[in-house]
Amino acid sequence: MINDHIFNSSKEKVVKLINDRYVDDVNLGLQTRNCYKLTGDVCETLAQIFICVGSIISFSAGVWDYNYLSYIAGAFGVFSISFHRFSIYAHNESRERTDETNKILVAIGVEKIVDISSENNNGGI
């Protein structure tokens, strides 16, 4: 009888620890997916702005015959590509965090959350 009480008490403590860990993991998953989504959106916006600025500078370099403008336009193009690639990475990480969080939610019997990253993010500028 005493052994059963000790076993049940220990089991309750372990279940509480596991449930607390699930709550912490879900909170962290939700925070990181939002962070990655925001980072991806900002980088995607910066990529679009940089490609526009780079294009304008590129055309200006041809009109004004100023060699440094060509270099600057190229640099804007490289930054644009870099930001765009990082935005794809960040959106993929957001999607991955959503999947990980959904696995935990399914394990504890809670409904899945919706993926907040865009479905059609296939890398085209």
PDB file of N, CA and C in Angstrom:
ATOM      1  N   MET A   1       0.816  -1.184   0.000  1.00  0.00           N
ATOM      2  CA  MET A   1       0.000   0.000   0.000  1.00  0.00           C
ATOM      3  C   MET A   1       0.867   1.258   0.000  1.00  0.00           C
ATOM      4  N   ILE A   2       1.896   1.280   0.810  1.00  0.00           N
ATOM      5  CA  ILE A   2       2.783   2.436   0.883  1.00  0.00           C
ATOM      6  C   ILE A   2       3.557   2.576  -0.426  1.00  0.00           C
ATOM      7  N   ASN A   3       3.974   1.450  -0.987  1.00  0.00           N
ATOM      8  CA  ASN A   3       4.701   1.488  -2.258  1.00  0.00           C
ATOM      9  C   ASN A   3       3.839   2.056  -3.381  1.00  0.00           C
ATOM     10  N   ASP A   4       2.548   1.714  -3.389  1.00  0.00           N
ATOM     11  CA  ASP A   4       1.641   2.261  -4.393  1.00  0.00           C
ATOM     12  C   ASP A   4       1.506   3.770  -4.252  1.00  0.00           C
ATOM     13  N   HIS A   5       1.411   4.227  -3.019  1.00  0.00           N
ATOM     14  CA  HIS A   5       1.302   5.678  -2.781  1.00  0.00           C
ATOM     15  C   HIS A   5       2.564   6.407  -3.248  1.00  0.00           C
ATOM     16  N   ILE A   6       3.729   5.846  -2.942  1.00  0.00           N
ATOM     17  CA  ILE A   6       4.996   6.454  -3.367  1.00  0.00           C
ATOM     18  C   ILE A   6       5.091   6.444  -4.887  1.00  0.00           C
ATOM     19  N   PHE A   7       4.699   5.329  -5.508  1.00  0.00           N
ATOM     20  CA  PHE A   7       4.740   5.228  -6.970  1.00  0.00           C
ATOM     21  C   PHE A   7       3.801   6.246  -7.612  1.00  0.00           C
ATOM     22  N   ASN A   8       2.573   6.357  -7.100  1.00  0.00           N
ATOM     23  CA  ASN A   8       1.607   7.307  -7.656  1.00  0.00           C
ATOM     24  C   ASN A   8       2.064   8.748  -7.463  1.00  0.00           C
ATOM     25  N   SER A   9       2.649   9.033  -6.316  1.00  0.00           N
ATOM     26  CA  SER A   9       3.149  10.380  -6.047  1.00  0.00           C
ATOM     27  C   SER A   9       4.297  10.724  -7.002  1.00  0.00           C
ATOM     28  N   SER A  10       5.196   9.787  -7.200  1.00  0.00           N
ATOM     29  CA  SER A  10       6.309  10.008  -8.129  1.00  0.00           C
ATOM     30  C   SER A  10       5.810  10.161  -9.548  1.00  0.00           C
ATOM     31  N   LYS A  11       4.838   9.345  -9.907  1.00  0.00           N
ATOM     32  CA  LYS A  11       4.270   9.408 -11.261  1.00  0.00           C
ATOM     33  C   LYS A  11       3.608  10.767 -11.498  1.00  0.00           C
ATOM     34  N   GLU A  12       2.892  11.276 -10.513  1.00  0.00           N
ATOM     35  CA  GLU A  12       2.246  12.582 -10.644  1.00  0.00           C
ATOM     36  C   GLU A  12       3.282  13.701 -10.825  1.00  0.00           C
ATOM     37  N   LYS A  13       4.378  13.602 -10.082  1.00  0.00           N
ATOM     38  CA  LYS A  13       5.440  14.607 -10.211  1.00  0.00           C
ATOM     39  C   LYS A  13       6.059  14.568 -11.605  1.00  0.00           C
ATOM     40  N   VAL A  14       6.291  13.377 -12.118  1.00  0.00           N
ATOM     41  CA  VAL A  14       6.873  13.244 -13.457  1.00  0.00           C
ATOM     42  C   VAL A  14       5.910  13.770 -14.513  1.00  0.00           C
ATOM     43  N   VAL A  15       4.639  13.435 -14.398  1.00  0.00           N
ATOM     44  CA  VAL A  15       3.643  13.924 -15.355  1.00  0.00           C
ATOM     45  C   VAL A  15       3.570  15.444 -15.315  1.00  0.00           C
ATOM     46  N   LYS A  16       3.625  16.023 -14.116  1.00  0.00           N
ATOM     47  CA  LYS A  16       3.605  17.489 -13.997  1.00  0.00           C
ATOM     48  C   LYS A  16       4.838  18.108 -14.660  1.00  0.00           C
ATOM     49  N   LEU A  17       6.001  17.518 -14.450  1.00  0.00           N
ATOM     50  CA  LEU A  17       7.224  18.019 -15.087  1.00  0.00           C
ATOM     51  C   LEU A  17       7.124  17.949 -16.616  1.00  0.00           C
ATOM     52  N   ILE A  18       6.597  16.854 -17.111  1.00  0.00           N
ATOM     53  CA  ILE A  18       6.452  16.695 -18.564  1.00  0.00           C
ATOM     54  C   ILE A  18       5.463  17.708 -19.112  1.00  0.00           C
ATOM     55  N   ASN A  19       4.335  17.882 -18.427  1.00  0.00           N
ATOM     56  CA  ASN A  19       3.342  18.854 -18.893  1.00  0.00           C
ATOM     57  C   ASN A  19       3.888  20.277 -18.871  1.00  0.00           C
ATOM     58  N   ASP A  20       4.639  20.611 -17.818  1.00  0.00           N
ATOM     59  CA  ASP A  20       5.262  21.935 -17.757  1.00  0.00           C
ATOM     60  C   ASP A  20       6.236  22.128 -18.915  1.00  0.00           C
ATOM     61  N   ARG A  21       6.980  21.085 -19.233  1.00  0.00           N
ATOM     62  CA  ARG A  21       7.938  21.161 -20.352  1.00  0.00           C
ATOM     63  C   ARG A  21       7.203  21.343 -21.672  1.00  0.00           C
ATOM     64  N   TYR A  22       6.071  20.657 -21.844  1.00  0.00           N
ATOM     65  CA  TYR A  22       5.270  20.831 -23.058  1.00  0.00           C
ATOM     66  C   TYR A  22       4.818  22.284 -23.207  1.00  0.00           C
ATOM     67  N   VAL A  23       4.376  22.873 -22.101  1.00  0.00           N
ATOM     68  CA  VAL A  23       3.928  24.274 -22.143  1.00  0.00           C
ATOM     69  C   VAL A  23       5.089  25.181 -22.548  1.00  0.00           C
ATOM     70  N   ASP A  24       6.251  24.961 -21.965  1.00  0.00           N
ATOM     71  CA  ASP A  24       7.427  25.767 -22.319  1.00  0.00           C
ATOM     72  C   ASP A  24       7.810  25.583 -23.789  1.00  0.00           C
ATOM     73  N   ASP A  25       7.765  24.343 -24.265  1.00  0.00           N
ATOM     74  CA  ASP A  25       8.117  24.071 -25.667  1.00  0.00           C
ATOM     75  C   ASP A  25       7.121  24.708 -26.630  1.00  0.00           C
ATOM     76  N   VAL A  26       5.849  24.673 -26.300  1.00  0.00           N
ATOM     77  CA  VAL A  26       4.833  25.300 -27.163  1.00  0.00           C
ATOM     78  C   VAL A  26       5.026  26.811 -27.176  1.00  0.00           C
ATOM     79  N   ASN A  27       5.262  27.411 -26.015  1.00  0.00           N
ATOM     80  CA  ASN A  27       5.511  28.862 -25.963  1.00  0.00           C
ATOM     81  C   ASN A  27       6.716  29.250 -26.799  1.00  0.00           C
ATOM     82  N   LEU A  28       7.806  28.503 -26.653  1.00  0.00           N
ATOM     83  CA  LEU A  28       9.009  28.791 -27.420  1.00  0.00           C
ATOM     84  C   LEU A  28       8.760  28.604 -28.916  1.00  0.00           C
ATOM     85  N   GLY A  29       8.046  27.560 -29.279  1.00  0.00           N
ATOM     86  CA  GLY A  29       7.733  27.318 -30.685  1.00  0.00           C
ATOM     87  C   GLY A  29       6.914  28.440 -31.299  1.00  0.00           C
ATOM     88  N   LEU A  30       5.933  28.925 -30.560  1.00  0.00           N
ATOM     89  CA  LEU A  30       5.101  30.023 -31.061  1.00  0.00           C
ATOM     90  C   LEU A  30       5.900  31.315 -31.199  1.00  0.00           C
ATOM     91  N   GLN A  31       6.770  31.588 -30.228  1.00  0.00           N
ATOM     92  CA  GLN A  31       7.588  32.801 -30.284  1.00  0.00           C
ATOM     93  C   GLN A  31       8.572  32.755 -31.448  1.00  0.00           C
ATOM     94  N   THR A  32       9.247  31.631 -31.615  1.00  0.00           N
ATOM     95  CA  THR A  32      10.257  31.562 -32.674  1.00  0.00           C
ATOM     96  C   THR A  32       9.633  31.548 -34.052  1.00  0.00           C
ATOM     97  N   ARG A  33       8.467  30.929 -34.210  1.00  0.00           N
ATOM     98  CA  ARG A  33       7.846  30.943 -35.540  1.00  0.00           C
ATOM     99  C   ARG A  33       7.415  32.353 -35.913  1.00  0.00           C
ATOM    100  N   ASN A  34       6.922  33.116 -34.931  1.00  0.00           N
ATOM    101  CA  ASN A  34       6.555  34.507 -35.207  1.00  0.00           C
ATOM    102  C   ASN A  34       7.786  35.350 -35.532  1.00  0.00           C
ATOM    103  N   CYS A  35       8.868  35.121 -34.803  1.00  0.00           N
ATOM    104  CA  CYS A  35      10.106  35.860 -35.030  1.00  0.00           C
ATOM    105  C   CYS A  35      10.656  35.573 -36.437  1.00  0.00           C
ATOM    106  N   TYR A  36      10.697  34.300 -36.813  1.00  0.00           N
ATOM    107  CA  TYR A  36      11.188  33.943 -38.140  1.00  0.00           C
ATOM    108  C   TYR A  36      10.270  34.488 -39.237  1.00  0.00           C
ATOM    109  N   LYS A  37       8.972  34.481 -39.006  1.00  0.00           N
ATOM    110  CA  LYS A  37       8.031  35.014 -39.998  1.00  0.00           C
ATOM    111  C   LYS A  37       8.265  36.506 -40.193  1.00  0.00           C
ATOM    112  N   LEU A  38       8.398  37.242 -39.102  1.00  0.00           N
ATOM    113  CA  LEU A  38       8.641  38.682 -39.186  1.00  0.00           C
ATOM    114  C   LEU A  38       9.973  38.971 -39.866  1.00  0.00           C
ATOM    115  N   THR A  39      11.007  38.229 -39.504  1.00  0.00           N
ATOM    116  CA  THR A  39      12.318  38.403 -40.121  1.00  0.00           C
ATOM    117  C   THR A  39      12.254  38.130 -41.620  1.00  0.00           C
ATOM    118  N   GLY A  40      11.560  37.084 -42.004  1.00  0.00           N
ATOM    119  CA  GLY A  40      11.402  36.764 -43.420  1.00  0.00           C
ATOM    120  C   GLY A  40      10.663  37.851 -44.175  1.00  0.00           C
ATOM    121  N   ASP A  41       9.613  38.389 -43.581  1.00  0.00           N
ATOM    122  CA  ASP A  41       8.844  39.451 -44.234  1.00  0.00           C
ATOM    123  C   ASP A  41       9.679  40.726 -44.406  1.00  0.00           C
ATOM    124  N   VAL A  42      10.437  41.086 -43.372  1.00  0.00           N
ATOM    125  CA  VAL A  42      11.283  42.280 -43.441  1.00  0.00           C
ATOM    126  C   VAL A  42      12.364  42.106 -44.510  1.00  0.00           C
ATOM    127  N   CYS A  43      13.013  40.947 -44.523  1.00  0.00           N
ATOM    128  CA  CYS A  43      14.071  40.703 -45.510  1.00  0.00           C
ATOM    129  C   CYS A  43      13.518  40.669 -46.934  1.00  0.00           C
ATOM    130  N   GLU A  44      12.335  40.122 -47.099  1.00  0.00           N
ATOM    131  CA  GLU A  44      11.713  40.098 -48.423  1.00  0.00           C
ATOM    132  C   GLU A  44      11.393  41.515 -48.902  1.00  0.00           C
ATOM    133  N   THR A  45      10.907  42.349 -47.999  1.00  0.00           N
ATOM    134  CA  THR A  45      10.618  43.736 -48.342  1.00  0.00           C
ATOM    135  C   THR A  45      11.905  44.491 -48.692  1.00  0.00           C
ATOM    136  N   LEU A  46      12.949  44.288 -47.884  1.00  0.00           N
ATOM    137  CA  LEU A  46      14.233  44.942 -48.171  1.00  0.00           C
ATOM    138  C   LEU A  46      14.796  44.483 -49.520  1.00  0.00           C
ATOM    139  N   ALA A  47      14.634  43.221 -49.834  1.00  0.00           N
ATOM    140  CA  ALA A  47      15.119  42.710 -51.123  1.00  0.00           C
ATOM    141  C   ALA A  47      14.426  43.418 -52.275  1.00  0.00           C
ATOM    142  N   GLN A  48      13.127  43.615 -52.163  1.00  0.00           N
ATOM    143  CA  GLN A  48      12.388  44.298 -53.224  1.00  0.00           C
ATOM    144  C   GLN A  48      12.827  45.759 -53.352  1.00  0.00           C
ATOM    145  N   ILE A  49      13.024  46.414 -52.230  1.00  0.00           N
ATOM    146  CA  ILE A  49      13.476  47.814 -52.253  1.00  0.00           C
ATOM    147  C   ILE A  49      14.872  47.909 -52.859  1.00  0.00           C
ATOM    148  N   PHE A  50      15.774  47.018 -52.449  1.00  0.00           N
ATOM    149  CA  PHE A  50      17.146  47.056 -52.953  1.00  0.00           C
ATOM    150  C   PHE A  50      17.201  46.776 -54.452  1.00  0.00           C
ATOM    151  N   ILE A  51      16.357  45.900 -54.946  1.00  0.00           N
ATOM    152  CA  ILE A  51      16.390  45.616 -56.384  1.00  0.00           C
ATOM    153  C   ILE A  51      15.887  46.819 -57.172  1.00  0.00           C
ATOM    154  N   CYS A  52      14.911  47.525 -56.635  1.00  0.00           N
ATOM    155  CA  CYS A  52      14.424  48.739 -57.304  1.00  0.00           C
ATOM    156  C   CYS A  52      15.500  49.830 -57.304  1.00  0.00           C
ATOM    157  N   VAL A  53      16.114  50.059 -56.163  1.00  0.00           N
ATOM    158  CA  VAL A  53      17.161  51.079 -56.056  1.00  0.00           C
ATOM    159  C   VAL A  53      18.344  50.716 -56.949  1.00  0.00           C
ATOM    160  N   GLY A  54      18.732  49.444 -56.937  1.00  0.00           N
ATOM    161  CA  GLY A  54      19.842  48.997 -57.780  1.00  0.00           C
ATOM    162  C   GLY A  54      19.560  49.180 -59.259  1.00  0.00           C
ATOM    163  N   SER A  55      18.334  48.927 -59.660  1.00  0.00           N
ATOM    164  CA  SER A  55      17.961  49.116 -61.063  1.00  0.00           C
ATOM    165  C   SER A  55      18.028  50.584 -61.462  1.00  0.00           C
ATOM    166  N   ILE A  56      17.534  51.453 -60.604  1.00  0.00           N
ATOM    167  CA  ILE A  56      17.574  52.893 -60.894  1.00  0.00           C
ATOM    168  C   ILE A  56      19.022  53.379 -60.988  1.00  0.00           C
ATOM    169  N   ILE A  57      19.856  52.945 -60.063  1.00  0.00           N
ATOM    170  CA  ILE A  57      21.267  53.347 -60.083  1.00  0.00           C
ATOM    171  C   ILE A  57      21.964  52.792 -61.324  1.00  0.00           C
ATOM    172  N   SER A  58      21.610  51.572 -61.698  1.00  0.00           N
ATOM    173  CA  SER A  58      22.211  50.961 -62.886  1.00  0.00           C
ATOM    174  C   SER A  58      21.902  51.768 -64.143  1.00  0.00           C
ATOM    175  N   PHE A  59      20.658  52.164 -64.312  1.00  0.00           N
ATOM    176  CA  PHE A  59      20.308  52.991 -65.469  1.00  0.00           C
ATOM    177  C   PHE A  59      20.977  54.363 -65.389  1.00  0.00           C
ATOM    178  N   SER A  60      21.088  54.899 -64.192  1.00  0.00           N
ATOM    179  CA  SER A  60      21.746  56.197 -64.018  1.00  0.00           C
ATOM    180  C   SER A  60      23.226  56.124 -64.373  1.00  0.00           C
ATOM    181  N   ALA A  61      23.851  54.998 -64.076  1.00  0.00           N
ATOM    182  CA  ALA A  61      25.275  54.838 -64.388  1.00  0.00           C
ATOM    183  C   ALA A  61      25.510  54.911 -65.896  1.00  0.00           C
ATOM    184  N   GLY A  62      24.572  54.390 -66.674  1.00  0.00           N
ATOM    185  CA  GLY A  62      24.703  54.462 -68.128  1.00  0.00           C
ATOM    186  C   GLY A  62      24.512  55.864 -68.671  1.00  0.00           C
ATOM    187  N   VAL A  63      23.656  56.611 -68.053  1.00  0.00           N
ATOM    188  CA  VAL A  63      23.372  57.975 -68.517  1.00  0.00           C
ATOM    189  C   VAL A  63      24.492  58.926 -68.129  1.00  0.00           C
ATOM    190  N   TRP A  64      24.973  58.836 -66.893  1.00  0.00           N
ATOM    191  CA  TRP A  64      25.961  59.787 -66.396  1.00  0.00           C
ATOM    192  C   TRP A  64      27.401  59.336 -66.590  1.00  0.00           C
ATOM    193  N   ASP A  65      27.605  58.136 -67.069  1.00  0.00           N
ATOM    194  CA  ASP A  65      28.942  57.613 -67.341  1.00  0.00           C
ATOM    195  C   ASP A  65      29.859  57.760 -66.126  1.00  0.00           C
ATOM    196  N   TYR A  66      29.360  57.301 -65.003  1.00  0.00           N
ATOM    197  CA  TYR A  66      30.096  57.361 -63.749  1.00  0.00           C
ATOM    198  C   TYR A  66      30.293  55.922 -63.264  1.00  0.00           C
ATOM    199  N   ASN A  67      31.550  55.454 -63.262  1.00  0.00           N
ATOM    200  CA  ASN A  67      31.839  54.038 -63.013  1.00  0.00           C
ATOM    201  C   ASN A  67      31.433  53.557 -61.622  1.00  0.00           C
ATOM    202  N   TYR A  68      31.535  54.414 -60.634  1.00  0.00           N
ATOM    203  CA  TYR A  68      31.181  53.993 -59.278  1.00  0.00           C
ATOM    204  C   TYR A  68      29.696  53.670 -59.146  1.00  0.00           C
ATOM    205  N   LEU A  69      28.880  54.291 -59.968  1.00  0.00           N
ATOM    206  CA  LEU A  69      27.455  53.978 -59.916  1.00  0.00           C
ATOM    207  C   LEU A  69      27.189  52.533 -60.338  1.00  0.00           C
ATOM    208  N   SER A  70      27.957  52.034 -61.285  1.00  0.00           N
ATOM    209  CA  SER A  70      27.809  50.633 -61.692  1.00  0.00           C
ATOM    210  C   SER A  70      28.150  49.704 -60.540  1.00  0.00           C
ATOM    211  N   TYR A  71      29.220  50.021 -59.831  1.00  0.00           N
ATOM    212  CA  TYR A  71      29.616  49.221 -58.669  1.00  0.00           C
ATOM    213  C   TYR A  71      28.527  49.257 -57.597  1.00  0.00           C
ATOM    214  N   ILE A  72      28.010  50.439 -57.323  1.00  0.00           N
ATOM    215  CA  ILE A  72      26.966  50.588 -56.305  1.00  0.00           C
ATOM    216  C   ILE A  72      25.713  49.820 -56.714  1.00  0.00           C
ATOM    217  N   ALA A  73      25.360  49.881 -57.993  1.00  0.00           N
ATOM    218  CA  ALA A  73      24.190  49.139 -58.481  1.00  0.00           C
ATOM    219  C   ALA A  73      24.393  47.641 -58.306  1.00  0.00           C
ATOM    220  N   GLY A  74      25.600  47.178 -58.604  1.00  0.00           N
ATOM    221  CA  GLY A  74      25.908  45.764 -58.407  1.00  0.00           C
ATOM    222  C   GLY A  74      25.826  45.358 -56.947  1.00  0.00           C
ATOM    223  N   ALA A  75      26.309  46.230 -56.077  1.00  0.00           N
ATOM    224  CA  ALA A  75      26.246  45.945 -54.639  1.00  0.00           C
ATOM    225  C   ALA A  75      24.793  45.849 -54.170  1.00  0.00           C
ATOM    226  N   PHE A  76      23.949  46.748 -54.654  1.00  0.00           N
ATOM    227  CA  PHE A  76      22.526  46.671 -54.305  1.00  0.00           C
ATOM    228  C   PHE A  76      21.916  45.368 -54.809  1.00  0.00           C
ATOM    229  N   GLY A  77      22.334  44.922 -55.991  1.00  0.00           N
ATOM    230  CA  GLY A  77      21.839  43.652 -56.522  1.00  0.00           C
ATOM    231  C   GLY A  77      22.246  42.471 -55.653  1.00  0.00           C
ATOM    232  N   VAL A  78      23.499  42.480 -55.199  1.00  0.00           N
ATOM    233  CA  VAL A  78      23.978  41.403 -54.326  1.00  0.00           C
ATOM    234  C   VAL A  78      23.240  41.423 -52.993  1.00  0.00           C
ATOM    235  N   PHE A  79      23.053  42.613 -52.427  1.00  0.00           N
ATOM    236  CA  PHE A  79      22.312  42.712 -51.170  1.00  0.00           C
ATOM    237  C   PHE A  79      20.880  42.222 -51.354  1.00  0.00           C
ATOM    238  N   SER A  80      20.296  42.558 -52.490  1.00  0.00           N
ATOM    239  CA  SER A  80      18.932  42.122 -52.765  1.00  0.00           C
ATOM    240  C   SER A  80      18.832  40.604 -52.802  1.00  0.00           C
ATOM    241  N   ILE A  81      19.762  39.978 -53.498  1.00  0.00           N
ATOM    242  CA  ILE A  81      19.759  38.510 -53.568  1.00  0.00           C
ATOM    243  C   ILE A  81      19.979  37.909 -52.183  1.00  0.00           C
ATOM    244  N   SER A  82      20.890  38.494 -51.426  1.00  0.00           N
ATOM    245  CA  SER A  82      21.170  37.981 -50.077  1.00  0.00           C
ATOM    246  C   SER A  82      19.948  38.092 -49.176  1.00  0.00           C
ATOM    247  N   PHE A  83      19.289  39.238 -49.190  1.00  0.00           N
ATOM    248  CA  PHE A  83      18.086  39.411 -48.375  1.00  0.00           C
ATOM    249  C   PHE A  83      16.980  38.460 -48.819  1.00  0.00           C
ATOM    250  N   HIS A  84      16.856  38.283 -50.127  1.00  0.00           N
ATOM    251  CA  HIS A  84      15.811  37.389 -50.619  1.00  0.00           C
ATOM    252  C   HIS A  84      16.061  35.947 -50.190  1.00  0.00           C
ATOM    253  N   ARG A  85      17.297  35.492 -50.303  1.00  0.00           N
ATOM    254  CA  ARG A  85      17.624  34.121 -49.887  1.00  0.00           C
ATOM    255  C   ARG A  85      17.404  33.950 -48.378  1.00  0.00           C
ATOM    256  N   PHE A  86      17.761  34.969 -47.600  1.00  0.00           N
ATOM    257  CA  PHE A  86      17.561  34.868 -46.161  1.00  0.00           C
ATOM    258  C   PHE A  86      16.074  34.874 -45.821  1.00  0.00           C
ATOM    259  N   SER A  87      15.270  35.604 -46.585  1.00  0.00           N
ATOM    260  CA  SER A  87      13.825  35.600 -46.332  1.00  0.00           C
ATOM    261  C   SER A  87      13.247  34.209 -46.588  1.00  0.00           C
ATOM    262  N   ILE A  88      13.740  33.527 -47.613  1.00  0.00           N
ATOM    263  CA  ILE A  88      13.278  32.157 -47.874  1.00  0.00           C
ATOM    264  C   ILE A  88      13.668  31.247 -46.716  1.00  0.00           C
ATOM    265  N   TYR A  89      14.904  31.379 -46.249  1.00  0.00           N
ATOM    266  CA  TYR A  89      15.368  30.597 -45.099  1.00  0.00           C
ATOM    267  C   TYR A  89      14.486  30.862 -43.874  1.00  0.00           C
ATOM    268  N   ALA A  90      14.205  32.121 -43.591  1.00  0.00           N
ATOM    269  CA  ALA A  90      13.416  32.472 -42.407  1.00  0.00           C
ATOM    270  C   ALA A  90      11.990  31.939 -42.516  1.00  0.00           C
ATOM    271  N   HIS A  91      11.390  32.013 -43.692  1.00  0.00           N
ATOM    272  CA  HIS A  91      10.040  31.459 -43.861  1.00  0.00           C
ATOM    273  C   HIS A  91      10.045  29.942 -43.697  1.00  0.00           C
ATOM    274  N   ASN A  92      11.088  29.289 -44.196  1.00  0.00           N
ATOM    275  CA  ASN A  92      11.190  27.833 -44.012  1.00  0.00           C
ATOM    276  C   ASN A  92      11.358  27.476 -42.532  1.00  0.00           C
ATOM    277  N   GLU A  93      12.139  28.256 -41.815  1.00  0.00           N
ATOM    278  CA  GLU A  93      12.306  28.021 -40.382  1.00  0.00           C
ATOM    279  C   GLU A  93      10.990  28.237 -39.634  1.00  0.00           C
ATOM    280  N   SER A  94      10.224  29.249 -40.041  1.00  0.00           N
ATOM    281  CA  SER A  94       8.918  29.488 -39.433  1.00  0.00           C
ATOM    282  C   SER A  94       8.010  28.280 -39.645  1.00  0.00           C
ATOM    283  N   ARG A  95       8.022  27.755 -40.851  1.00  0.00           N
ATOM    284  CA  ARG A  95       7.218  26.577 -41.179  1.00  0.00           C
ATOM    285  C   ARG A  95       7.665  25.369 -40.346  1.00  0.00           C
ATOM    286  N   GLU A  96       8.983  25.216 -40.184  1.00  0.00           N
ATOM    287  CA  GLU A  96       9.523  24.110 -39.394  1.00  0.00           C
ATOM    288  C   GLU A  96       9.120  24.228 -37.925  1.00  0.00           C
ATOM    289  N   ARG A  97       9.172  25.437 -37.386  1.00  0.00           N
ATOM    290  CA  ARG A  97       8.765  25.645 -35.990  1.00  0.00           C
ATOM    291  C   ARG A  97       7.275  25.350 -35.808  1.00  0.00           C
ATOM    292  N   THR A  98       6.476  25.684 -36.814  1.00  0.00           N
ATOM    293  CA  THR A  98       5.051  25.373 -36.754  1.00  0.00           C
ATOM    294  C   THR A  98       4.849  23.870 -36.714  1.00  0.00           C
ATOM    295  N   ASP A  99       5.565  23.142 -37.560  1.00  0.00           N
ATOM    296  CA  ASP A  99       5.448  21.683 -37.575  1.00  0.00           C
ATOM    297  C   ASP A  99       5.859  21.075 -36.237  1.00  0.00           C
ATOM    298  N   GLU A 100       6.959  21.568 -35.678  1.00  0.00           N
ATOM    299  CA  GLU A 100       7.417  21.055 -34.384  1.00  0.00           C
ATOM    300  C   GLU A 100       6.401  21.333 -33.279  1.00  0.00           C
ATOM    301  N   THR A 101       5.839  22.529 -33.290  1.00  0.00           N
ATOM    302  CA  THR A 101       4.834  22.880 -32.285  1.00  0.00           C
ATOM    303  C   THR A 101       3.586  22.029 -32.455  1.00  0.00           C
ATOM    304  N   ASN A 102       3.192  21.784 -33.706  1.00  0.00           N
ATOM    305  CA  ASN A 102       2.016  20.953 -33.958  1.00  0.00           C
ATOM    306  C   ASN A 102       2.223  19.518 -33.482  1.00  0.00           C
ATOM    307  N   LYS A 103       3.435  18.998 -33.589  1.00  0.00           N
ATOM    308  CA  LYS A 103       3.711  17.647 -33.081  1.00  0.00           C
ATOM    309  C   LYS A 103       3.488  17.578 -31.574  1.00  0.00           C
ATOM    310  N   ILE A 104       3.912  18.615 -30.876  1.00  0.00           N
ATOM    311  CA  ILE A 104       3.709  18.644 -29.428  1.00  0.00           C
ATOM    312  C   ILE A 104       2.224  18.751 -29.111  1.00  0.00           C
ATOM    313  N   LEU A 105       1.522  19.628 -29.838  1.00  0.00           N
ATOM    314  CA  LEU A 105       0.096  19.816 -29.587  1.00  0.00           C
ATOM    315  C   LEU A 105      -0.687  18.529 -29.832  1.00  0.00           C
ATOM    316  N   VAL A 106      -0.344  17.805 -30.885  1.00  0.00           N
ATOM    317  CA  VAL A 106      -1.012  16.530 -31.170  1.00  0.00           C
ATOM    318  C   VAL A 106      -0.726  15.523 -30.062  1.00  0.00           C
ATOM    319  N   ALA A 107       0.514  15.525 -29.559  1.00  0.00           N
ATOM    320  CA  ALA A 107       0.891  14.585 -28.501  1.00  0.00           C
ATOM    321  C   ALA A 107       0.094  14.807 -27.217  1.00  0.00           C
ATOM    322  N   ILE A 108      -0.282  16.063 -26.953  1.00  0.00           N
ATOM    323  CA  ILE A 108      -1.041  16.334 -25.723  1.00  0.00           C
ATOM    324  C   ILE A 108      -2.541  16.468 -25.987  1.00  0.00           C
ATOM    325  N   GLY A 109      -2.955  16.199 -27.232  1.00  0.00           N
ATOM    326  CA  GLY A 109      -4.380  16.178 -27.547  1.00  0.00           C
ATOM    327  C   GLY A 109      -5.005  17.529 -27.805  1.00  0.00           C
ATOM    328  N   VAL A 110      -4.215  18.491 -28.285  1.00  0.00           N
ATOM    329  CA  VAL A 110      -4.726  19.829 -28.598  1.00  0.00           C
ATOM    330  C   VAL A 110      -4.726  20.007 -30.110  1.00  0.00           C
ATOM    331  N   GLU A 111      -5.663  20.795 -30.609  1.00  0.00           N
ATOM    332  CA  GLU A 111      -5.783  21.019 -32.048  1.00  0.00           C
ATOM    333  C   GLU A 111      -4.545  21.729 -32.598  1.00  0.00           C
ATOM    334  N   LYS A 112      -4.174  21.389 -33.835  1.00  0.00           N
ATOM    335  CA  LYS A 112      -3.005  21.989 -34.479  1.00  0.00           C
ATOM    336  C   LYS A 112      -3.232  23.477 -34.742  1.00  0.00           C
ATOM    337  N   ILE A 113      -2.112  24.210 -34.866  1.00  0.00           N
ATOM    338  CA  ILE A 113      -2.171  25.621 -35.227  1.00  0.00           C
ATOM    339  C   ILE A 113      -1.927  25.754 -36.720  1.00  0.00           C
ATOM    340  N   VAL A 114      -2.361  26.858 -37.284  1.00  0.00           N
ATOM    341  CA  VAL A 114      -2.241  27.108 -38.709  1.00  0.00           C
ATOM    342  C   VAL A 114      -0.865  27.668 -39.014  1.00  0.00           C
ATOM    343  N   ASP A 115      -0.303  27.275 -40.151  1.00  0.00           N
ATOM    344  CA  ASP A 115       0.993  27.795 -40.582  1.00  0.00           C
ATOM    345  C   ASP A 115       0.826  29.238 -41.025  1.00  0.00           C
ATOM    346  N   ILE A 116       1.651  30.146 -40.472  1.00  0.00           N
ATOM    347  CA  ILE A 116       1.518  31.570 -40.789  1.00  0.00           C
ATOM    348  C   ILE A 116       2.418  32.006 -41.933  1.00  0.00           C
ATOM    349  N   SER A 117       3.337  31.147 -42.370  1.00  0.00           N
ATOM    350  CA  SER A 117       4.214  31.521 -43.480  1.00  0.00           C
ATOM    351  C   SER A 117       3.487  31.274 -44.789  1.00  0.00           C
ATOM    352  N   SER A 118       3.902  31.999 -45.815  1.00  0.00           N
ATOM    353  CA  SER A 118       3.208  31.888 -47.097  1.00  0.00           C
ATOM    354  C   SER A 118       3.463  30.526 -47.715  1.00  0.00           C
ATOM    355  N   GLU A 119       2.451  29.957 -48.328  1.00  0.00           N
ATOM    356  CA  GLU A 119       2.549  28.634 -48.947  1.00  0.00           C
ATOM    357  C   GLU A 119       3.300  28.686 -50.259  1.00  0.00           C
ATOM    358  N   ASN A 120       3.230  29.791 -50.966  1.00  0.00           N
ATOM    359  CA  ASN A 120       3.811  29.886 -52.305  1.00  0.00           C
ATOM    360  C   ASN A 120       5.138  30.614 -52.310  1.00  0.00           C
ATOM    361  N   ASN A 121       5.914  30.460 -51.278  1.00  0.00           N
ATOM    362  CA  ASN A 121       7.220  31.116 -51.207  1.00  0.00           C
ATOM    363  C   ASN A 121       8.248  30.219 -51.867  1.00  0.00           C
ATOM    364  N   ASN A 122       8.310  30.287 -53.192  1.00  0.00           N
ATOM    365  CA  ASN A 122       9.185  29.378 -53.934  1.00  0.00           C
ATOM    366  C   ASN A 122      10.459  30.051 -54.420  1.00  0.00           C
ATOM    367  N   GLY A 123      10.726  31.262 -53.989  1.00  0.00           N
ATOM    368  CA  GLY A 123      12.011  31.867 -54.282  1.00  0.00           C
ATOM    369  C   GLY A 123      12.040  32.772 -55.484  1.00  0.00           C
ATOM    370  N   GLY A 124      10.944  33.113 -56.070  1.00  0.00           N
ATOM    371  CA  GLY A 124      10.980  33.984 -57.246  1.00  0.00           C
ATOM    372  C   GLY A 124      10.904  35.449 -56.902  1.00  0.00           C
ATOM    373  N   ILE A 125      11.817  36.222 -57.489  1.00  0.00           N
ATOM    374  CA  ILE A 125      11.747  37.693 -57.319  1.00  0.00           C
ATOM    375  C   ILE A 125      11.131  38.240 -58.572  1.00  0.00           C
TER     376      ILE A 125
END
